PDB file of N, CA and C in Angstrom:
ATOM      1  N   UNK A   1      20.058  -1.370  -2.646  1.00  0.00           N
ATOM      2  CA  UNK A   1      20.321  -2.443  -1.725  1.00  0.00           C
ATOM      3  C   UNK A   1      19.491  -3.653  -2.172  1.00  0.00           C
ATOM      4  N   UNK A   2      20.118  -4.751  -2.315  1.00  0.00           N
ATOM      5  CA  UNK A   2      19.425  -5.968  -2.705  1.00  0.00           C
ATOM      6  C   UNK A   2      18.913  -6.674  -1.455  1.00  0.00           C
ATOM      7  N   UNK A   3      17.619  -6.999  -1.472  1.00  0.00           N
ATOM      8  CA  UNK A   3      16.985  -7.682  -0.355  1.00  0.00           C
ATOM      9  C   UNK A   3      16.020  -8.720  -0.907  1.00  0.00           C
ATOM     10  N   UNK A   4      16.029  -9.872  -0.336  1.00  0.00           N
ATOM     11  CA  UNK A   4      15.069 -10.910  -0.718  1.00  0.00           C
ATOM     12  C   UNK A   4      13.944 -10.931   0.303  1.00  0.00           C
ATOM     13  N   UNK A   5      12.699 -10.849  -0.205  1.00  0.00           N
ATOM     14  CA  UNK A   5      11.539 -10.893   0.684  1.00  0.00           C
ATOM     15  C   UNK A   5      10.489 -11.824   0.092  1.00  0.00           C
ATOM     16  N   UNK A   6       9.648 -12.348   0.936  1.00  0.00           N
ATOM     17  CA  UNK A   6       8.538 -13.182   0.490  1.00  0.00           C
ATOM     18  C   UNK A   6       7.309 -12.282   0.402  1.00  0.00           C
ATOM     19  N   UNK A   7       6.686 -12.260  -0.776  1.00  0.00           N
ATOM     20  CA  UNK A   7       5.518 -11.416  -1.001  1.00  0.00           C
ATOM     21  C   UNK A   7       4.278 -12.279  -1.178  1.00  0.00           C
ATOM     22  N   UNK A   8       3.156 -11.769  -0.735  1.00  0.00           N
ATOM     23  CA  UNK A   8       1.867 -12.409  -0.979  1.00  0.00           C
ATOM     24  C   UNK A   8       1.570 -12.238  -2.468  1.00  0.00           C
ATOM     25  N   UNK A   9       1.517 -13.344  -3.215  1.00  0.00           N
ATOM     26  CA  UNK A   9       1.339 -13.274  -4.666  1.00  0.00           C
ATOM     27  C   UNK A   9       0.073 -12.521  -5.064  1.00  0.00           C
ATOM     28  N   UNK A  10      -1.034 -12.796  -4.377  1.00  0.00           N
ATOM     29  CA  UNK A  10      -2.289 -12.112  -4.709  1.00  0.00           C
ATOM     30  C   UNK A  10      -2.196 -10.617  -4.439  1.00  0.00           C
ATOM     31  N   UNK A  11      -1.571 -10.264  -3.335  1.00  0.00           N
ATOM     32  CA  UNK A  11      -1.452  -8.856  -2.970  1.00  0.00           C
ATOM     33  C   UNK A  11      -0.602  -8.101  -3.986  1.00  0.00           C
ATOM     34  N   UNK A  12       0.513  -8.676  -4.382  1.00  0.00           N
ATOM     35  CA  UNK A  12       1.383  -7.988  -5.339  1.00  0.00           C
ATOM     36  C   UNK A  12       0.706  -7.899  -6.705  1.00  0.00           C
ATOM     37  N   UNK A  13      -0.032  -8.940  -7.103  1.00  0.00           N
ATOM     38  CA  UNK A  13      -0.751  -8.899  -8.375  1.00  0.00           C
ATOM     39  C   UNK A  13      -1.837  -7.826  -8.353  1.00  0.00           C
ATOM     40  N   UNK A  14      -2.559  -7.725  -7.240  1.00  0.00           N
ATOM     41  CA  UNK A  14      -3.589  -6.686  -7.107  1.00  0.00           C
ATOM     42  C   UNK A  14      -2.961  -5.304  -7.180  1.00  0.00           C
ATOM     43  N   UNK A  15      -1.846  -5.124  -6.516  1.00  0.00           N
ATOM     44  CA  UNK A  15      -1.170  -3.825  -6.523  1.00  0.00           C
ATOM     45  C   UNK A  15      -0.713  -3.466  -7.931  1.00  0.00           C
ATOM     46  N   UNK A  16      -0.177  -4.441  -8.648  1.00  0.00           N
ATOM     47  CA  UNK A  16       0.295  -4.172 -10.007  1.00  0.00           C
ATOM     48  C   UNK A  16      -0.869  -3.848 -10.936  1.00  0.00           C
ATOM     49  N   UNK A  17      -1.981  -4.567 -10.789  1.00  0.00           N
ATOM     50  CA  UNK A  17      -3.160  -4.271 -11.616  1.00  0.00           C
ATOM     51  C   UNK A  17      -3.731  -2.898 -11.278  1.00  0.00           C
ATOM     52  N   UNK A  18      -3.830  -2.598  -9.990  1.00  0.00           N
ATOM     53  CA  UNK A  18      -4.434  -1.334  -9.552  1.00  0.00           C
ATOM     54  C   UNK A  18      -3.625  -0.123  -9.996  1.00  0.00           C
ATOM     55  N   UNK A  19      -2.311  -0.284 -10.068  1.00  0.00           N
ATOM     56  CA  UNK A  19      -1.449   0.850 -10.396  1.00  0.00           C
ATOM     57  C   UNK A  19      -0.985   0.867 -11.842  1.00  0.00           C
ATOM     58  N   UNK A  20      -1.102  -0.270 -12.515  1.00  0.00           N
ATOM     59  CA  UNK A  20      -0.599  -0.358 -13.877  1.00  0.00           C
ATOM     60  C   UNK A  20       0.909  -0.534 -13.937  1.00  0.00           C
ATOM     61  N   UNK A  21       1.515  -0.762 -12.793  1.00  0.00           N
ATOM     62  CA  UNK A  21       2.965  -0.961 -12.760  1.00  0.00           C
ATOM     63  C   UNK A  21       3.295  -2.332 -13.338  1.00  0.00           C
ATOM     64  N   UNK A  22       4.456  -2.427 -13.980  1.00  0.00           N
ATOM     65  CA  UNK A  22       4.805  -3.640 -14.717  1.00  0.00           C
ATOM     66  C   UNK A  22       5.661  -4.616 -13.928  1.00  0.00           C
ATOM     67  N   UNK A  23       6.316  -4.151 -12.870  1.00  0.00           N
ATOM     68  CA  UNK A  23       7.217  -5.038 -12.138  1.00  0.00           C
ATOM     69  C   UNK A  23       6.871  -5.067 -10.656  1.00  0.00           C
ATOM     70  N   UNK A  24       7.260  -6.172 -10.032  1.00  0.00           N
ATOM     71  CA  UNK A  24       7.059  -6.291  -8.589  1.00  0.00           C
ATOM     72  C   UNK A  24       7.864  -5.223  -7.866  1.00  0.00           C
ATOM     73  N   UNK A  25       9.069  -4.989  -8.343  1.00  0.00           N
ATOM     74  CA  UNK A  25       9.924  -3.979  -7.716  1.00  0.00           C
ATOM     75  C   UNK A  25       9.243  -2.614  -7.728  1.00  0.00           C
ATOM     76  N   UNK A  26       8.687  -2.237  -8.874  1.00  0.00           N
ATOM     77  CA  UNK A  26       8.015  -0.935  -8.979  1.00  0.00           C
ATOM     78  C   UNK A  26       6.826  -0.867  -8.026  1.00  0.00           C
ATOM     79  N   UNK A  27       6.083  -1.968  -7.913  1.00  0.00           N
ATOM     80  CA  UNK A  27       4.923  -1.985  -7.019  1.00  0.00           C
ATOM     81  C   UNK A  27       5.351  -1.858  -5.560  1.00  0.00           C
ATOM     82  N   UNK A  28       6.406  -2.568  -5.186  1.00  0.00           N
ATOM     83  CA  UNK A  28       6.893  -2.496  -3.807  1.00  0.00           C
ATOM     84  C   UNK A  28       7.412  -1.096  -3.503  1.00  0.00           C
ATOM     85  N   UNK A  29       8.181  -0.516  -4.429  1.00  0.00           N
ATOM     86  CA  UNK A  29       8.708   0.836  -4.209  1.00  0.00           C
ATOM     87  C   UNK A  29       7.582   1.853  -4.104  1.00  0.00           C
ATOM     88  N   UNK A  30       6.566   1.735  -4.955  1.00  0.00           N
ATOM     89  CA  UNK A  30       5.425   2.658  -4.893  1.00  0.00           C
ATOM     90  C   UNK A  30       4.704   2.518  -3.557  1.00  0.00           C
ATOM     91  N   UNK A  31       4.545   1.292  -3.097  1.00  0.00           N
ATOM     92  CA  UNK A  31       3.893   1.063  -1.811  1.00  0.00           C
ATOM     93  C   UNK A  31       4.674   1.653  -0.656  1.00  0.00           C
ATOM     94  N   UNK A  32       5.988   1.496  -0.687  1.00  0.00           N
ATOM     95  CA  UNK A  32       6.823   2.056   0.378  1.00  0.00           C
ATOM     96  C   UNK A  32       6.762   3.579   0.381  1.00  0.00           C
ATOM     97  N   UNK A  33       6.815   4.177  -0.811  1.00  0.00           N
ATOM     98  CA  UNK A  33       6.737   5.641  -0.902  1.00  0.00           C
ATOM     99  C   UNK A  33       5.396   6.144  -0.377  1.00  0.00           C
ATOM    100  N   UNK A  34       4.326   5.430  -0.730  1.00  0.00           N
ATOM    101  CA  UNK A  34       2.998   5.827  -0.259  1.00  0.00           C
ATOM    102  C   UNK A  34       2.895   5.701   1.255  1.00  0.00           C
ATOM    103  N   UNK A  35       3.434   4.638   1.813  1.00  0.00           N
ATOM    104  CA  UNK A  35       3.420   4.452   3.265  1.00  0.00           C
ATOM    105  C   UNK A  35       4.137   5.600   3.965  1.00  0.00           C
ATOM    106  N   UNK A  36       5.282   5.985   3.448  1.00  0.00           N
ATOM    107  CA  UNK A  36       6.045   7.095   4.034  1.00  0.00           C
ATOM    108  C   UNK A  36       5.249   8.390   3.941  1.00  0.00           C
ATOM    109  N   UNK A  37       4.636   8.634   2.786  1.00  0.00           N
ATOM    110  CA  UNK A  37       3.851   9.855   2.586  1.00  0.00           C
ATOM    111  C   UNK A  37       2.652   9.908   3.533  1.00  0.00           C
ATOM    112  N   UNK A  38       1.952   8.801   3.670  1.00  0.00           N
ATOM    113  CA  UNK A  38       0.768   8.757   4.538  1.00  0.00           C
ATOM    114  C   UNK A  38       1.157   9.001   5.990  1.00  0.00           C
ATOM    115  N   UNK A  39       2.251   8.394   6.420  1.00  0.00           N
ATOM    116  CA  UNK A  39       2.698   8.590   7.809  1.00  0.00           C
ATOM    117  C   UNK A  39       3.117  10.037   8.043  1.00  0.00           C
ATOM    118  N   UNK A  40       3.781  10.647   7.065  1.00  0.00           N
ATOM    119  CA  UNK A  40       4.184  12.049   7.204  1.00  0.00           C
ATOM    120  C   UNK A  40       2.953  12.950   7.296  1.00  0.00           C
ATOM    121  N   UNK A  41       1.952  12.673   6.480  1.00  0.00           N
ATOM    122  CA  UNK A  41       0.723  13.462   6.520  1.00  0.00           C
ATOM    123  C   UNK A  41       0.020  13.306   7.861  1.00  0.00           C
ATOM    124  N   UNK A  42       0.038  12.115   8.408  1.00  0.00           N
ATOM    125  CA  UNK A  42      -0.587  11.887   9.714  1.00  0.00           C
ATOM    126  C   UNK A  42       0.124  12.710  10.779  1.00  0.00           C
ATOM    127  N   UNK A  43       1.435  12.805  10.674  1.00  0.00           N
ATOM    128  CA  UNK A  43       2.194  13.617  11.624  1.00  0.00           C
ATOM    129  C   UNK A  43       1.819  15.083  11.537  1.00  0.00           C
ATOM    130  N   UNK A  44       1.633  15.566  10.332  1.00  0.00           N
ATOM    131  CA  UNK A  44       1.237  16.963  10.136  1.00  0.00           C
ATOM    132  C   UNK A  44      -0.176  17.183  10.679  1.00  0.00           C
ATOM    133  N   UNK A  45      -1.071  16.228  10.439  1.00  0.00           N
ATOM    134  CA  UNK A  45      -2.449  16.363  10.948  1.00  0.00           C
ATOM    135  C   UNK A  45      -2.485  16.407  12.472  1.00  0.00           C
ATOM    136  N   UNK A  46      -1.588  15.681  13.116  1.00  0.00           N
ATOM    137  CA  UNK A  46      -1.550  15.708  14.588  1.00  0.00           C
ATOM    138  C   UNK A  46      -1.166  17.095  15.109  1.00  0.00           C
ATOM    139  N   UNK A  47      -0.480  17.880  14.295  1.00  0.00           N
ATOM    140  CA  UNK A  47      -0.069  19.219  14.714  1.00  0.00           C
ATOM    141  C   UNK A  47      -1.178  20.254  14.545  1.00  0.00           C
ATOM    142  N   UNK A  48      -2.237  19.888  13.833  1.00  0.00           N
ATOM    143  CA  UNK A  48      -3.313  20.842  13.558  1.00  0.00           C
ATOM    144  C   UNK A  48      -3.868  21.406  14.862  1.00  0.00           C
ATOM    145  N   UNK A  49      -3.917  22.725  14.923  1.00  0.00           N
ATOM    146  CA  UNK A  49      -4.450  23.413  16.083  1.00  0.00           C
ATOM    147  C   UNK A  49      -3.445  23.605  17.202  1.00  0.00           C
ATOM    148  N   UNK A  50      -2.247  23.087  17.037  1.00  0.00           N
ATOM    149  CA  UNK A  50      -1.236  23.194  18.091  1.00  0.00           C
ATOM    150  C   UNK A  50      -0.151  24.213  17.768  1.00  0.00           C
ATOM    151  N   UNK A  51      -0.111  24.648  16.535  1.00  0.00           N
ATOM    152  CA  UNK A  51       0.922  25.594  16.122  1.00  0.00           C
ATOM    153  C   UNK A  51       0.245  26.910  15.766  1.00  0.00           C
ATOM    154  N   UNK A  52       0.702  27.964  16.384  1.00  0.00           N
ATOM    155  CA  UNK A  52       0.161  29.287  16.079  1.00  0.00           C
ATOM    156  C   UNK A  52       0.852  29.812  14.823  1.00  0.00           C
ATOM    157  N   UNK A  53       0.059  30.293  13.882  1.00  0.00           N
ATOM    158  CA  UNK A  53       0.616  30.853  12.660  1.00  0.00           C
ATOM    159  C   UNK A  53       0.251  32.319  12.599  1.00  0.00           C
ATOM    160  N   UNK A  54       1.240  33.127  12.306  1.00  0.00           N
ATOM    161  CA  UNK A  54       1.004  34.558  12.142  1.00  0.00           C
ATOM    162  C   UNK A  54       1.444  34.936  10.749  1.00  0.00           C
ATOM    163  N   UNK A  55       0.584  35.592  10.044  1.00  0.00           N
ATOM    164  CA  UNK A  55       0.920  36.006   8.699  1.00  0.00           C
ATOM    165  C   UNK A  55      -0.274  36.671   8.050  1.00  0.00           C
ATOM    166  N   UNK A  56      -0.045  37.175   6.862  1.00  0.00           N
ATOM    167  CA  UNK A  56      -1.087  37.858   6.108  1.00  0.00           C
ATOM    168  C   UNK A  56      -1.220  37.148   4.760  1.00  0.00           C
ATOM    169  N   UNK A  57      -2.262  36.350   4.617  1.00  0.00           N
ATOM    170  CA  UNK A  57      -2.444  35.599   3.379  1.00  0.00           C
ATOM    171  C   UNK A  57      -2.619  36.514   2.176  1.00  0.00           C
ATOM    172  N   UNK A  58      -3.327  37.625   2.356  1.00  0.00           N
ATOM    173  CA  UNK A  58      -3.508  38.552   1.239  1.00  0.00           C
ATOM    174  C   UNK A  58      -2.168  39.090   0.766  1.00  0.00           C
ATOM    175  N   UNK A  59      -1.294  39.396   1.688  1.00  0.00           N
ATOM    176  CA  UNK A  59       0.030  39.898   1.327  1.00  0.00           C
ATOM    177  C   UNK A  59       0.846  38.798   0.634  1.00  0.00           C
ATOM    178  N   UNK A  60       0.735  37.583   1.120  1.00  0.00           N
ATOM    179  CA  UNK A  60       1.467  36.478   0.510  1.00  0.00           C
ATOM    180  C   UNK A  60       0.972  36.205  -0.906  1.00  0.00           C
ATOM    181  N   UNK A  61      -0.317  36.428  -1.124  1.00  0.00           N
ATOM    182  CA  UNK A  61      -0.904  36.165  -2.438  1.00  0.00           C
ATOM    183  C   UNK A  61      -0.657  37.309  -3.422  1.00  0.00           C
ATOM    184  N   UNK A  62      -0.296  38.466  -2.934  1.00  0.00           N
ATOM    185  CA  UNK A  62      -0.073  39.626  -3.801  1.00  0.00           C
ATOM    186  C   UNK A  62       1.029  39.299  -4.804  1.00  0.00           C
ATOM    187  N   UNK A  63       0.775  39.639  -6.045  1.00  0.00           N
ATOM    188  CA  UNK A  63       1.774  39.417  -7.077  1.00  0.00           C
ATOM    189  C   UNK A  63       1.659  38.068  -7.759  1.00  0.00           C
ATOM    190  N   UNK A  64       0.803  37.214  -7.250  1.00  0.00           N
ATOM    191  CA  UNK A  64       0.598  35.919  -7.908  1.00  0.00           C
ATOM    192  C   UNK A  64      -0.260  36.117  -9.141  1.00  0.00           C
ATOM    193  N   UNK A  65      -0.023  35.296 -10.111  1.00  0.00           N
ATOM    194  CA  UNK A  65      -0.834  35.332 -11.319  1.00  0.00           C
ATOM    195  C   UNK A  65      -2.091  34.521 -11.060  1.00  0.00           C
ATOM    196  N   UNK A  66      -3.238  35.117 -11.338  1.00  0.00           N
ATOM    197  CA  UNK A  66      -4.510  34.416 -11.135  1.00  0.00           C
ATOM    198  C   UNK A  66      -4.628  33.289 -12.146  1.00  0.00           C
ATOM    199  N   UNK A  67      -5.123  32.139 -11.689  1.00  0.00           N
ATOM    200  CA  UNK A  67      -5.254  31.009 -12.625  1.00  0.00           C
ATOM    201  C   UNK A  67      -6.624  30.897 -13.198  1.00  0.00           C
TER     202      UNK A  67
END
């Protein structure tokens, strides 16, 4: 989808330098992906202690190759 947006020149330059990305598009896409990931993680953290888990970790680990 083509969209025209006004970007803060300093902010986009800092993002490109910090990430090594070569284009504004790549920097914006990386930022959007990171924002989505951070928000999803925050949602999972809010569930901590509210969901009961039943299982046997030793059984789940059985058969795994040790690293």
